[in-house]
Amino acid sequence: MKAKFIRHLQAEIAQKLPGQAAQKEMMGQALARRADQESRFKLPKKYKEAATLLLLYMHKGEWHTALMQRPASPYPHSKQISFPGGGLEVFDAGPAAAALRETEEEFGVLAETVELLGPMTPLYIPVSNYLVYPFVGYLEERPHFVPDAEEVEEIIEIPLAELLDSTNRKSKDIQTYNGRILPNMPYFDLCGKTVWGATAMMLSEFVALCKALAQEAA
């Protein structure tokens, strides 16, 4: 039987997403100013599409999700913490299929074992020119992770309680892959890792969904 938390979360996702207001809480100053100026970010004429998956599962008696640290590379997301995910391919049936495929490729979690609970709000990432479609998925038990050595340096299993703890939202100066310093950037301090940028923005919306559930249950 599907857990009560999962049933309620699925219903909350289907109703009304927190959207850009929640994403904005973990945006840098420059991006937040742009969000204030536009009702929604204007996409360029040409952009790429990608999809990611926030995977929920029970482990050691509590809910977890899993992120990954990407290996060092010359690309904008070098060494960053992210969800499993990647660009849409021509053979993908859509963003949801791409999210499941990428999760299977990077984490070794079979696509057919994951139940999708629904989509979160798409997020455009100017630095890489990707429009990212995030999804929430669910497994009844902890998966057997088989990470792709070329794309995944480390899998980070995060207790949901740690993600929801507001004291783990912090800010500091962050250095990007090309040496640029971004001042006073908001981030999640999770399992000793600095989770910022697009991943933090998507996590912020998920946290808002969980807070909405808590308020309804109170």
N, C-alpha and C. Protein backbone atom coordinates (compact mmCIF):
# COMPACT_ATOMS: atom_id res chain seq x y z
N MET A 1 0.85 -1.20 0.00
CA MET A 1 0.00 0.00 0.00
C MET A 1 0.88 1.25 0.00
N LYS A 2 0.51 2.23 -0.80
CA LYS A 2 1.27 3.47 -0.89
C LYS A 2 1.18 4.22 0.43
N ALA A 3 2.32 4.72 0.91
CA ALA A 3 2.39 5.41 2.19
C ALA A 3 1.51 6.67 2.18
N LYS A 4 1.01 7.04 3.34
CA LYS A 4 0.13 8.20 3.47
C LYS A 4 0.83 9.47 2.99
N PHE A 5 2.09 9.65 3.38
CA PHE A 5 2.83 10.83 2.97
C PHE A 5 2.90 10.93 1.45
N ILE A 6 3.14 9.81 0.79
CA ILE A 6 3.25 9.80 -0.67
C ILE A 6 1.92 10.11 -1.32
N ARG A 7 0.84 9.55 -0.79
CA ARG A 7 -0.49 9.83 -1.34
C ARG A 7 -0.82 11.32 -1.23
N HIS A 8 -0.55 11.88 -0.08
CA HIS A 8 -0.87 13.30 0.13
C HIS A 8 0.04 14.19 -0.71
N LEU A 9 1.31 13.81 -0.85
CA LEU A 9 2.23 14.60 -1.67
C LEU A 9 1.78 14.57 -3.13
N GLN A 10 1.38 13.43 -3.62
CA GLN A 10 0.91 13.31 -5.00
C GLN A 10 -0.31 14.20 -5.22
N ALA A 11 -1.21 14.23 -4.26
CA ALA A 11 -2.40 15.08 -4.38
C ALA A 11 -2.01 16.56 -4.35
N GLU A 12 -1.04 16.92 -3.53
CA GLU A 12 -0.60 18.32 -3.43
C GLU A 12 0.05 18.77 -4.74
N ILE A 13 0.85 17.91 -5.34
CA ILE A 13 1.50 18.24 -6.61
C ILE A 13 0.45 18.47 -7.70
N ALA A 14 -0.61 17.68 -7.67
CA ALA A 14 -1.65 17.78 -8.70
C ALA A 14 -2.51 19.03 -8.55
N GLN A 15 -2.52 19.63 -7.36
CA GLN A 15 -3.39 20.79 -7.13
C GLN A 15 -2.76 22.08 -7.63
N LYS A 16 -1.82 22.63 -6.89
CA LYS A 16 -1.20 23.89 -7.29
C LYS A 16 0.23 23.92 -6.78
N LEU A 17 1.18 24.05 -7.69
CA LEU A 17 2.58 24.06 -7.31
C LEU A 17 2.98 25.42 -6.74
N PRO A 18 3.91 25.44 -5.79
CA PRO A 18 4.41 26.71 -5.24
C PRO A 18 5.05 27.60 -6.30
N GLY A 19 5.66 26.99 -7.32
CA GLY A 19 6.17 27.73 -8.46
C GLY A 19 7.40 28.57 -8.21
N GLN A 20 7.53 29.63 -9.02
CA GLN A 20 8.74 30.44 -9.01
C GLN A 20 8.96 31.15 -7.68
N ALA A 21 7.89 31.44 -6.94
CA ALA A 21 8.04 32.09 -5.64
C ALA A 21 8.90 31.24 -4.71
N ALA A 22 8.71 29.93 -4.75
CA ALA A 22 9.52 29.03 -3.92
C ALA A 22 10.92 28.88 -4.49
N GLN A 23 11.03 28.79 -5.81
CA GLN A 23 12.35 28.69 -6.44
C GLN A 23 13.20 29.92 -6.10
N LYS A 24 12.56 31.07 -6.09
CA LYS A 24 13.26 32.33 -5.90
C LYS A 24 13.96 32.40 -4.55
N GLU A 25 13.47 31.68 -3.56
CA GLU A 25 14.08 31.71 -2.23
C GLU A 25 15.53 31.27 -2.25
N MET A 26 15.91 30.47 -3.25
CA MET A 26 17.29 29.98 -3.32
C MET A 26 18.01 30.51 -4.55
N MET A 27 17.52 31.61 -5.11
CA MET A 27 18.18 32.25 -6.24
C MET A 27 19.25 33.23 -5.76
N GLY A 28 20.27 33.41 -6.56
CA GLY A 28 21.23 34.46 -6.31
C GLY A 28 20.61 35.82 -6.54
N GLN A 29 21.28 36.86 -6.11
CA GLN A 29 20.72 38.21 -6.17
C GLN A 29 20.39 38.64 -7.60
N ALA A 30 21.30 38.39 -8.54
CA ALA A 30 21.08 38.84 -9.91
C ALA A 30 19.88 38.13 -10.53
N LEU A 31 19.78 36.82 -10.32
CA LEU A 31 18.66 36.07 -10.88
C LEU A 31 17.35 36.46 -10.21
N ALA A 32 17.40 36.74 -8.92
CA ALA A 32 16.20 37.15 -8.20
C ALA A 32 15.69 38.49 -8.72
N ARG A 33 16.62 39.42 -9.04
CA ARG A 33 16.20 40.71 -9.59
C ARG A 33 15.51 40.51 -10.93
N ARG A 34 16.05 39.59 -11.72
CA ARG A 34 15.43 39.31 -13.02
C ARG A 34 14.04 38.71 -12.82
N ALA A 35 13.89 37.87 -11.82
CA ALA A 35 12.58 37.28 -11.53
C ALA A 35 11.58 38.35 -11.12
N ASP A 36 12.06 39.38 -10.41
CA ASP A 36 11.18 40.48 -10.00
C ASP A 36 10.70 41.29 -11.21
N GLN A 37 11.54 41.38 -12.21
CA GLN A 37 11.25 42.21 -13.38
C GLN A 37 10.33 41.53 -14.38
N GLU A 38 10.29 40.20 -14.34
CA GLU A 38 9.50 39.45 -15.31
C GLU A 38 8.50 38.56 -14.59
N SER A 39 7.28 38.49 -15.10
CA SER A 39 6.30 37.60 -14.50
C SER A 39 6.74 36.15 -14.63
N ARG A 40 7.46 35.87 -15.69
CA ARG A 40 8.14 34.58 -15.85
C ARG A 40 9.33 34.84 -16.76
N PHE A 41 10.38 34.07 -16.59
CA PHE A 41 11.57 34.29 -17.38
C PHE A 41 11.26 34.11 -18.86
N LYS A 42 11.73 35.04 -19.67
CA LYS A 42 11.54 34.94 -21.11
C LYS A 42 12.58 33.98 -21.68
N LEU A 43 12.11 32.97 -22.34
CA LEU A 43 13.02 32.00 -22.95
C LEU A 43 13.61 32.57 -24.23
N PRO A 44 14.86 32.26 -24.53
CA PRO A 44 15.41 32.67 -25.82
C PRO A 44 14.74 31.89 -26.94
N LYS A 45 14.96 32.32 -28.18
CA LYS A 45 14.34 31.63 -29.31
C LYS A 45 14.81 30.19 -29.41
N LYS A 46 16.07 29.98 -29.07
CA LYS A 46 16.61 28.63 -29.11
C LYS A 46 17.12 28.26 -27.73
N TYR A 47 16.62 27.17 -27.20
CA TYR A 47 17.08 26.66 -25.91
C TYR A 47 17.01 25.14 -25.93
N LYS A 48 17.71 24.53 -24.98
CA LYS A 48 17.73 23.08 -24.87
C LYS A 48 16.79 22.65 -23.74
N GLU A 49 16.37 21.41 -23.78
CA GLU A 49 15.47 20.89 -22.76
C GLU A 49 16.12 19.73 -22.02
N ALA A 50 15.86 19.68 -20.72
CA ALA A 50 16.39 18.61 -19.87
C ALA A 50 15.34 18.23 -18.85
N ALA A 51 15.54 17.11 -18.20
CA ALA A 51 14.61 16.64 -17.17
C ALA A 51 15.40 16.02 -16.03
N THR A 52 14.87 16.17 -14.81
CA THR A 52 15.51 15.61 -13.63
C THR A 52 14.48 14.88 -12.79
N LEU A 53 14.98 14.11 -11.82
CA LEU A 53 14.08 13.34 -10.96
C LEU A 53 14.49 13.48 -9.49
N LEU A 54 13.55 13.92 -8.67
CA LEU A 54 13.70 13.88 -7.23
C LEU A 54 13.08 12.57 -6.77
N LEU A 55 13.92 11.66 -6.34
CA LEU A 55 13.48 10.29 -6.02
C LEU A 55 13.31 10.14 -4.52
N LEU A 56 12.14 9.71 -4.09
CA LEU A 56 11.85 9.49 -2.68
C LEU A 56 11.81 7.99 -2.38
N TYR A 57 12.37 7.63 -1.24
CA TYR A 57 12.33 6.23 -0.81
C TYR A 57 12.55 6.16 0.69
N MET A 58 12.09 5.08 1.30
CA MET A 58 12.25 4.87 2.72
C MET A 58 13.56 4.13 2.98
N HIS A 59 14.32 4.62 3.94
CA HIS A 59 15.60 4.00 4.30
C HIS A 59 15.85 4.22 5.79
N LYS A 60 16.09 3.13 6.51
CA LYS A 60 16.35 3.18 7.95
C LYS A 60 15.23 3.91 8.70
N GLY A 61 14.01 3.65 8.27
CA GLY A 61 12.85 4.17 8.97
C GLY A 61 12.50 5.61 8.69
N GLU A 62 13.15 6.26 7.70
CA GLU A 62 12.79 7.64 7.37
C GLU A 62 12.92 7.88 5.87
N TRP A 63 12.20 8.89 5.39
CA TRP A 63 12.22 9.22 3.98
C TRP A 63 13.55 9.85 3.59
N HIS A 64 14.02 9.46 2.42
CA HIS A 64 15.26 9.99 1.86
C HIS A 64 15.03 10.42 0.41
N THR A 65 15.93 11.27 -0.07
CA THR A 65 16.09 11.49 -1.49
C THR A 65 17.58 11.37 -1.81
N ALA A 66 17.91 11.31 -3.08
CA ALA A 66 19.32 11.11 -3.46
C ALA A 66 19.74 12.16 -4.49
N LEU A 67 20.89 12.75 -4.23
CA LEU A 67 21.53 13.66 -5.17
C LEU A 67 22.85 13.04 -5.61
N MET A 68 23.49 13.67 -6.57
CA MET A 68 24.77 13.18 -7.06
C MET A 68 25.75 14.33 -7.19
N GLN A 69 27.02 14.04 -6.96
CA GLN A 69 28.06 15.03 -7.25
C GLN A 69 28.66 14.68 -8.60
N ARG A 70 28.66 15.68 -9.47
CA ARG A 70 29.21 15.45 -10.81
C ARG A 70 30.73 15.54 -10.76
N PRO A 71 31.42 14.81 -11.63
CA PRO A 71 32.89 14.87 -11.65
C PRO A 71 33.38 16.19 -12.22
N ALA A 72 34.66 16.47 -12.02
CA ALA A 72 35.27 17.68 -12.58
C ALA A 72 35.24 17.61 -14.10
N SER A 73 34.91 18.75 -14.73
CA SER A 73 34.82 18.83 -16.18
C SER A 73 34.96 20.28 -16.58
N PRO A 74 35.10 20.58 -17.89
CA PRO A 74 35.18 21.97 -18.33
C PRO A 74 33.81 22.63 -18.49
N TYR A 75 32.74 21.94 -18.10
CA TYR A 75 31.40 22.44 -18.33
C TYR A 75 30.88 23.23 -17.12
N PRO A 76 29.81 24.06 -17.33
CA PRO A 76 29.31 24.93 -16.26
C PRO A 76 28.93 24.23 -14.96
N HIS A 77 28.52 22.95 -15.03
CA HIS A 77 28.05 22.27 -13.82
C HIS A 77 29.11 21.33 -13.24
N SER A 78 30.37 21.58 -13.56
CA SER A 78 31.48 20.78 -13.03
C SER A 78 31.45 20.75 -11.50
N LYS A 79 31.53 19.55 -10.92
CA LYS A 79 31.62 19.31 -9.48
C LYS A 79 30.37 19.71 -8.70
N GLN A 80 29.33 20.15 -9.37
CA GLN A 80 28.13 20.55 -8.66
C GLN A 80 27.33 19.35 -8.18
N ILE A 81 26.48 19.61 -7.20
CA ILE A 81 25.54 18.61 -6.70
C ILE A 81 24.23 18.77 -7.48
N SER A 82 23.69 17.67 -7.96
CA SER A 82 22.47 17.77 -8.77
C SER A 82 21.61 16.53 -8.59
N PHE A 83 20.41 16.61 -9.14
CA PHE A 83 19.57 15.43 -9.29
C PHE A 83 20.10 14.60 -10.46
N PRO A 84 19.74 13.33 -10.53
CA PRO A 84 19.99 12.62 -11.79
C PRO A 84 19.16 13.26 -12.88
N GLY A 85 19.73 13.40 -14.06
CA GLY A 85 18.98 14.03 -15.14
C GLY A 85 19.89 14.42 -16.27
N GLY A 86 19.29 14.91 -17.33
CA GLY A 86 20.06 15.32 -18.50
C GLY A 86 19.14 15.74 -19.63
N GLY A 87 19.74 15.99 -20.76
CA GLY A 87 19.02 16.50 -21.90
C GLY A 87 18.04 15.51 -22.52
N LEU A 88 16.96 16.04 -23.07
CA LEU A 88 16.00 15.21 -23.79
C LEU A 88 16.61 14.73 -25.10
N GLU A 89 16.36 13.48 -25.45
CA GLU A 89 16.81 12.90 -26.69
C GLU A 89 15.61 12.73 -27.64
N VAL A 90 15.89 12.61 -28.91
CA VAL A 90 14.80 12.52 -29.89
C VAL A 90 13.93 11.29 -29.66
N PHE A 91 14.50 10.26 -29.06
CA PHE A 91 13.73 9.03 -28.85
C PHE A 91 12.93 9.05 -27.55
N ASP A 92 13.10 10.07 -26.70
CA ASP A 92 12.32 10.16 -25.47
C ASP A 92 10.88 10.51 -25.78
N ALA A 93 9.95 9.86 -25.10
CA ALA A 93 8.52 10.15 -25.30
C ALA A 93 8.13 11.51 -24.75
N GLY A 94 8.98 12.10 -23.94
CA GLY A 94 8.71 13.39 -23.34
C GLY A 94 9.62 13.61 -22.15
N PRO A 95 9.47 14.73 -21.44
CA PRO A 95 10.34 15.01 -20.30
C PRO A 95 10.30 13.95 -19.20
N ALA A 96 9.12 13.41 -18.91
CA ALA A 96 9.02 12.39 -17.86
C ALA A 96 9.83 11.15 -18.23
N ALA A 97 9.73 10.73 -19.48
CA ALA A 97 10.50 9.57 -19.94
C ALA A 97 11.99 9.85 -19.87
N ALA A 98 12.38 11.08 -20.20
CA ALA A 98 13.80 11.45 -20.14
C ALA A 98 14.31 11.42 -18.71
N ALA A 99 13.51 11.91 -17.76
CA ALA A 99 13.91 11.90 -16.35
C ALA A 99 14.14 10.47 -15.85
N LEU A 100 13.24 9.57 -16.22
CA LEU A 100 13.38 8.17 -15.81
C LEU A 100 14.58 7.52 -16.49
N ARG A 101 14.76 7.79 -17.77
CA ARG A 101 15.90 7.21 -18.50
C ARG A 101 17.23 7.67 -17.91
N GLU A 102 17.34 8.97 -17.65
CA GLU A 102 18.58 9.50 -17.09
C GLU A 102 18.85 8.94 -15.70
N THR A 103 17.81 8.75 -14.92
CA THR A 103 17.98 8.17 -13.58
C THR A 103 18.48 6.74 -13.67
N GLU A 104 17.97 6.00 -14.64
CA GLU A 104 18.44 4.63 -14.84
C GLU A 104 19.90 4.63 -15.30
N GLU A 105 20.25 5.53 -16.20
CA GLU A 105 21.62 5.57 -16.73
C GLU A 105 22.62 6.01 -15.67
N GLU A 106 22.25 7.00 -14.86
CA GLU A 106 23.20 7.56 -13.91
C GLU A 106 23.20 6.87 -12.55
N PHE A 107 22.03 6.42 -12.10
CA PHE A 107 21.92 5.79 -10.78
C PHE A 107 21.76 4.27 -10.85
N GLY A 108 21.44 3.76 -12.03
CA GLY A 108 21.20 2.33 -12.13
C GLY A 108 19.85 1.91 -11.58
N VAL A 109 18.93 2.86 -11.40
CA VAL A 109 17.59 2.56 -10.89
C VAL A 109 16.68 2.32 -12.08
N LEU A 110 16.14 1.13 -12.20
CA LEU A 110 15.33 0.79 -13.36
C LEU A 110 14.10 1.69 -13.47
N ALA A 111 13.89 2.23 -14.65
CA ALA A 111 12.80 3.18 -14.87
C ALA A 111 11.44 2.59 -14.51
N GLU A 112 11.25 1.31 -14.82
CA GLU A 112 9.93 0.71 -14.58
C GLU A 112 9.62 0.50 -13.10
N THR A 113 10.62 0.65 -12.23
CA THR A 113 10.38 0.47 -10.79
C THR A 113 9.96 1.76 -10.10
N VAL A 114 10.07 2.89 -10.82
CA VAL A 114 9.78 4.20 -10.22
C VAL A 114 8.35 4.63 -10.56
N GLU A 115 7.61 5.02 -9.55
CA GLU A 115 6.28 5.60 -9.77
C GLU A 115 6.41 7.12 -9.76
N LEU A 116 6.04 7.75 -10.84
CA LEU A 116 6.08 9.21 -10.90
C LEU A 116 4.88 9.78 -10.15
N LEU A 117 5.14 10.76 -9.27
CA LEU A 117 4.07 11.41 -8.52
C LEU A 117 3.60 12.68 -9.21
N GLY A 118 4.43 13.20 -10.12
CA GLY A 118 4.02 14.38 -10.87
C GLY A 118 5.18 15.32 -11.12
N PRO A 119 4.93 16.37 -11.91
CA PRO A 119 5.97 17.34 -12.24
C PRO A 119 6.00 18.50 -11.26
N MET A 120 7.17 19.09 -11.09
CA MET A 120 7.28 20.37 -10.42
C MET A 120 7.41 21.46 -11.49
N THR A 121 7.67 22.68 -11.08
CA THR A 121 7.69 23.81 -12.00
C THR A 121 8.96 23.81 -12.84
N PRO A 122 8.85 23.90 -14.17
CA PRO A 122 10.06 23.98 -15.02
C PRO A 122 10.91 25.18 -14.63
N LEU A 123 12.22 25.04 -14.83
CA LEU A 123 13.17 26.08 -14.44
C LEU A 123 14.16 26.31 -15.58
N TYR A 124 14.27 27.55 -16.02
CA TYR A 124 15.24 27.88 -17.06
C TYR A 124 16.57 28.26 -16.41
N ILE A 125 17.67 27.68 -16.94
CA ILE A 125 19.01 27.93 -16.41
C ILE A 125 19.81 28.70 -17.46
N PRO A 126 19.97 30.01 -17.27
CA PRO A 126 20.63 30.82 -18.31
C PRO A 126 22.05 30.38 -18.63
N VAL A 127 22.84 29.98 -17.61
CA VAL A 127 24.25 29.70 -17.84
C VAL A 127 24.46 28.54 -18.81
N SER A 128 23.53 27.60 -18.84
CA SER A 128 23.66 26.46 -19.74
C SER A 128 22.59 26.44 -20.83
N ASN A 129 21.65 27.42 -20.78
CA ASN A 129 20.58 27.55 -21.77
C ASN A 129 19.68 26.31 -21.81
N TYR A 130 19.41 25.74 -20.63
CA TYR A 130 18.51 24.60 -20.52
C TYR A 130 17.23 25.00 -19.83
N LEU A 131 16.11 24.54 -20.35
CA LEU A 131 14.84 24.56 -19.64
C LEU A 131 14.69 23.18 -19.01
N VAL A 132 14.68 23.13 -17.68
CA VAL A 132 14.69 21.85 -16.98
C VAL A 132 13.29 21.53 -16.44
N TYR A 133 12.84 20.30 -16.70
CA TYR A 133 11.56 19.82 -16.20
C TYR A 133 11.83 18.87 -15.03
N PRO A 134 11.56 19.29 -13.78
CA PRO A 134 11.79 18.39 -12.64
C PRO A 134 10.55 17.55 -12.33
N PHE A 135 10.79 16.31 -11.95
CA PHE A 135 9.71 15.40 -11.56
C PHE A 135 10.00 14.81 -10.19
N VAL A 136 8.93 14.40 -9.52
CA VAL A 136 9.06 13.70 -8.24
C VAL A 136 8.66 12.25 -8.47
N GLY A 137 9.51 11.34 -8.01
CA GLY A 137 9.24 9.91 -8.16
C GLY A 137 9.33 9.20 -6.83
N TYR A 138 8.85 7.97 -6.81
CA TYR A 138 8.72 7.24 -5.54
C TYR A 138 9.07 5.77 -5.73
N LEU A 139 9.82 5.25 -4.77
CA LEU A 139 10.11 3.82 -4.68
C LEU A 139 9.67 3.32 -3.31
N GLU A 140 9.17 2.12 -3.25
CA GLU A 140 8.70 1.58 -1.98
C GLU A 140 9.85 1.26 -1.03
N GLU A 141 11.04 1.04 -1.56
CA GLU A 141 12.20 0.76 -0.70
C GLU A 141 13.46 1.33 -1.34
N ARG A 142 14.50 1.41 -0.56
CA ARG A 142 15.76 1.96 -1.05
C ARG A 142 16.25 1.16 -2.25
N PRO A 143 16.63 1.87 -3.33
CA PRO A 143 17.11 1.15 -4.52
C PRO A 143 18.54 0.65 -4.33
N HIS A 144 18.92 -0.27 -5.17
CA HIS A 144 20.32 -0.68 -5.25
C HIS A 144 20.99 0.22 -6.27
N PHE A 145 21.75 1.18 -5.79
CA PHE A 145 22.37 2.16 -6.68
C PHE A 145 23.56 1.55 -7.42
N VAL A 146 23.60 1.79 -8.73
CA VAL A 146 24.75 1.40 -9.56
C VAL A 146 25.15 2.65 -10.35
N PRO A 147 25.95 3.53 -9.74
CA PRO A 147 26.26 4.81 -10.39
C PRO A 147 27.14 4.66 -11.62
N ASP A 148 26.89 5.51 -12.60
CA ASP A 148 27.70 5.57 -13.81
C ASP A 148 29.00 6.29 -13.46
N ALA A 149 30.11 5.60 -13.55
CA ALA A 149 31.40 6.15 -13.11
C ALA A 149 31.81 7.38 -13.90
N GLU A 150 31.36 7.51 -15.14
CA GLU A 150 31.75 8.65 -15.96
C GLU A 150 30.95 9.91 -15.63
N GLU A 151 29.74 9.74 -15.11
CA GLU A 151 28.88 10.89 -14.86
C GLU A 151 28.64 11.17 -13.38
N VAL A 152 28.93 10.20 -12.53
CA VAL A 152 28.62 10.34 -11.11
C VAL A 152 29.87 10.10 -10.27
N GLU A 153 30.31 11.12 -9.58
CA GLU A 153 31.46 10.95 -8.68
C GLU A 153 31.02 10.35 -7.35
N GLU A 154 29.81 10.75 -6.90
CA GLU A 154 29.32 10.28 -5.61
C GLU A 154 27.81 10.40 -5.56
N ILE A 155 27.13 9.42 -4.98
CA ILE A 155 25.70 9.51 -4.69
C ILE A 155 25.55 9.92 -3.24
N ILE A 156 24.71 10.93 -3.00
CA ILE A 156 24.53 11.48 -1.66
C ILE A 156 23.09 11.21 -1.23
N GLU A 157 22.91 10.38 -0.24
CA GLU A 157 21.58 10.04 0.26
C GLU A 157 21.23 10.99 1.40
N ILE A 158 20.15 11.73 1.23
CA ILE A 158 19.80 12.81 2.15
C ILE A 158 18.49 12.51 2.87
N PRO A 159 18.50 12.43 4.18
CA PRO A 159 17.24 12.28 4.91
C PRO A 159 16.34 13.49 4.68
N LEU A 160 15.07 13.24 4.47
CA LEU A 160 14.14 14.34 4.22
C LEU A 160 14.11 15.31 5.40
N ALA A 161 14.26 14.79 6.61
CA ALA A 161 14.25 15.66 7.79
C ALA A 161 15.37 16.69 7.73
N GLU A 162 16.51 16.31 7.19
CA GLU A 162 17.64 17.24 7.06
C GLU A 162 17.32 18.32 6.03
N LEU A 163 16.69 17.92 4.93
CA LEU A 163 16.31 18.89 3.90
C LEU A 163 15.29 19.89 4.43
N LEU A 164 14.36 19.43 5.26
CA LEU A 164 13.29 20.28 5.76
C LEU A 164 13.72 21.14 6.95
N ASP A 165 14.88 20.89 7.51
CA ASP A 165 15.39 21.66 8.64
C ASP A 165 15.84 23.04 8.15
N SER A 166 15.15 24.08 8.55
CA SER A 166 15.43 25.43 8.05
C SER A 166 16.83 25.91 8.41
N THR A 167 17.45 25.36 9.45
CA THR A 167 18.80 25.79 9.82
C THR A 167 19.83 25.34 8.80
N ASN A 168 19.45 24.46 7.89
CA ASN A 168 20.37 24.01 6.85
C ASN A 168 20.30 24.88 5.60
N ARG A 169 19.52 25.95 5.65
CA ARG A 169 19.52 26.96 4.58
C ARG A 169 20.50 28.06 4.99
N LYS A 170 21.52 28.25 4.20
CA LYS A 170 22.57 29.20 4.56
C LYS A 170 22.95 30.03 3.34
N SER A 171 23.93 30.91 3.49
CA SER A 171 24.44 31.68 2.36
C SER A 171 25.93 31.92 2.55
N LYS A 172 26.63 32.01 1.43
CA LYS A 172 28.07 32.28 1.45
C LYS A 172 28.51 32.64 0.03
N ASP A 173 29.73 33.10 -0.12
CA ASP A 173 30.30 33.34 -1.44
C ASP A 173 30.66 31.99 -2.06
N ILE A 174 30.27 31.80 -3.31
CA ILE A 174 30.51 30.52 -3.99
C ILE A 174 31.30 30.77 -5.26
N GLN A 175 32.32 29.94 -5.46
CA GLN A 175 33.14 30.05 -6.67
C GLN A 175 32.63 29.10 -7.73
N THR A 176 32.43 29.60 -8.96
CA THR A 176 31.92 28.78 -10.05
C THR A 176 33.06 28.02 -10.73
N TYR A 177 32.69 27.20 -11.70
CA TYR A 177 33.66 26.36 -12.41
C TYR A 177 34.75 27.17 -13.10
N ASN A 178 34.44 28.41 -13.49
CA ASN A 178 35.40 29.24 -14.22
C ASN A 178 36.11 30.26 -13.33
N GLY A 179 35.96 30.10 -12.02
CA GLY A 179 36.66 30.96 -11.08
C GLY A 179 35.91 32.19 -10.63
N ARG A 180 34.75 32.44 -11.18
CA ARG A 180 33.96 33.61 -10.79
C ARG A 180 33.40 33.42 -9.38
N ILE A 181 33.41 34.49 -8.59
CA ILE A 181 32.87 34.45 -7.24
C ILE A 181 31.46 35.04 -7.23
N LEU A 182 30.51 34.25 -6.76
CA LEU A 182 29.14 34.72 -6.62
C LEU A 182 28.91 35.07 -5.16
N PRO A 183 28.69 36.35 -4.85
CA PRO A 183 28.60 36.75 -3.44
C PRO A 183 27.27 36.38 -2.79
N ASN A 184 27.37 35.97 -1.53
CA ASN A 184 26.19 35.76 -0.68
C ASN A 184 25.13 34.89 -1.35
N MET A 185 25.57 33.76 -1.87
CA MET A 185 24.64 32.84 -2.55
C MET A 185 23.92 31.96 -1.54
N PRO A 186 22.60 31.82 -1.67
CA PRO A 186 21.88 30.88 -0.79
C PRO A 186 22.19 29.44 -1.20
N TYR A 187 22.22 28.56 -0.20
CA TYR A 187 22.48 27.15 -0.48
C TYR A 187 21.92 26.29 0.64
N PHE A 188 21.75 25.01 0.35
CA PHE A 188 21.41 24.01 1.36
C PHE A 188 22.70 23.34 1.81
N ASP A 189 22.89 23.24 3.11
CA ASP A 189 24.01 22.49 3.69
C ASP A 189 23.49 21.10 4.03
N LEU A 190 23.74 20.13 3.14
CA LEU A 190 23.15 18.79 3.27
C LEU A 190 24.25 17.74 3.28
N CYS A 191 24.31 16.98 4.35
CA CYS A 191 25.33 15.93 4.48
C CYS A 191 26.73 16.49 4.23
N GLY A 192 26.94 17.73 4.66
CA GLY A 192 28.24 18.36 4.51
C GLY A 192 28.52 18.87 3.11
N LYS A 193 27.52 18.83 2.22
CA LYS A 193 27.68 19.28 0.84
C LYS A 193 26.98 20.62 0.63
N THR A 194 27.55 21.44 -0.23
CA THR A 194 26.95 22.73 -0.60
C THR A 194 26.09 22.53 -1.84
N VAL A 195 24.77 22.62 -1.65
CA VAL A 195 23.82 22.40 -2.74
C VAL A 195 23.22 23.76 -3.11
N TRP A 196 23.58 24.27 -4.29
CA TRP A 196 23.15 25.61 -4.67
C TRP A 196 22.67 25.61 -6.12
N GLY A 197 22.36 26.80 -6.62
CA GLY A 197 21.97 26.92 -8.02
C GLY A 197 20.62 26.28 -8.31
N ALA A 198 20.49 25.73 -9.52
CA ALA A 198 19.21 25.19 -9.98
C ALA A 198 18.70 24.06 -9.08
N THR A 199 19.61 23.22 -8.60
CA THR A 199 19.19 22.11 -7.73
C THR A 199 18.57 22.65 -6.45
N ALA A 200 19.18 23.67 -5.87
CA ALA A 200 18.63 24.27 -4.65
C ALA A 200 17.27 24.91 -4.92
N MET A 201 17.10 25.52 -6.09
CA MET A 201 15.83 26.15 -6.43
C MET A 201 14.72 25.10 -6.54
N MET A 202 15.03 23.97 -7.16
CA MET A 202 14.03 22.91 -7.29
C MET A 202 13.74 22.28 -5.93
N LEU A 203 14.78 22.11 -5.11
CA LEU A 203 14.57 21.58 -3.76
C LEU A 203 13.70 22.53 -2.94
N SER A 204 13.88 23.82 -3.15
CA SER A 204 13.09 24.81 -2.41
C SER A 204 11.61 24.66 -2.71
N GLU A 205 11.27 24.38 -3.96
CA GLU A 205 9.85 24.16 -4.28
C GLU A 205 9.34 22.88 -3.63
N PHE A 206 10.18 21.84 -3.62
CA PHE A 206 9.76 20.60 -2.97
C PHE A 206 9.54 20.82 -1.48
N VAL A 207 10.43 21.57 -0.84
CA VAL A 207 10.26 21.87 0.59
C VAL A 207 8.95 22.62 0.82
N ALA A 208 8.62 23.55 -0.07
CA ALA A 208 7.36 24.28 0.05
C ALA A 208 6.16 23.34 -0.04
N LEU A 209 6.24 22.34 -0.91
CA LEU A 209 5.17 21.34 -1.01
C LEU A 209 5.01 20.59 0.31
N CYS A 210 6.14 20.19 0.90
CA CYS A 210 6.11 19.46 2.17
C CYS A 210 5.56 20.32 3.30
N LYS A 211 5.91 21.61 3.29
CA LYS A 211 5.39 22.52 4.32
C LYS A 211 3.88 22.68 4.17
N ALA A 212 3.40 22.72 2.93
CA ALA A 212 1.96 22.83 2.70
C ALA A 212 1.24 21.60 3.27
N LEU A 213 1.85 20.43 3.10
CA LEU A 213 1.26 19.21 3.65
C LEU A 213 1.20 19.27 5.16
N ALA A 214 2.28 19.77 5.77
CA ALA A 214 2.34 19.86 7.23
C ALA A 214 1.27 20.81 7.77
N GLN A 215 1.04 21.91 7.06
CA GLN A 215 0.04 22.88 7.47
C GLN A 215 -1.36 22.30 7.38
N GLU A 216 -1.59 21.51 6.33
CA GLU A 216 -2.90 20.89 6.17
C GLU A 216 -3.17 19.87 7.24
N ALA A 217 -2.09 19.20 7.70
CA ALA A 217 -2.26 18.15 8.71
C ALA A 217 -2.39 18.73 10.13
N ALA A 218 -1.97 19.99 10.29
CA ALA A 218 -1.98 20.61 11.64
C ALA A 218 -3.41 20.88 12.11
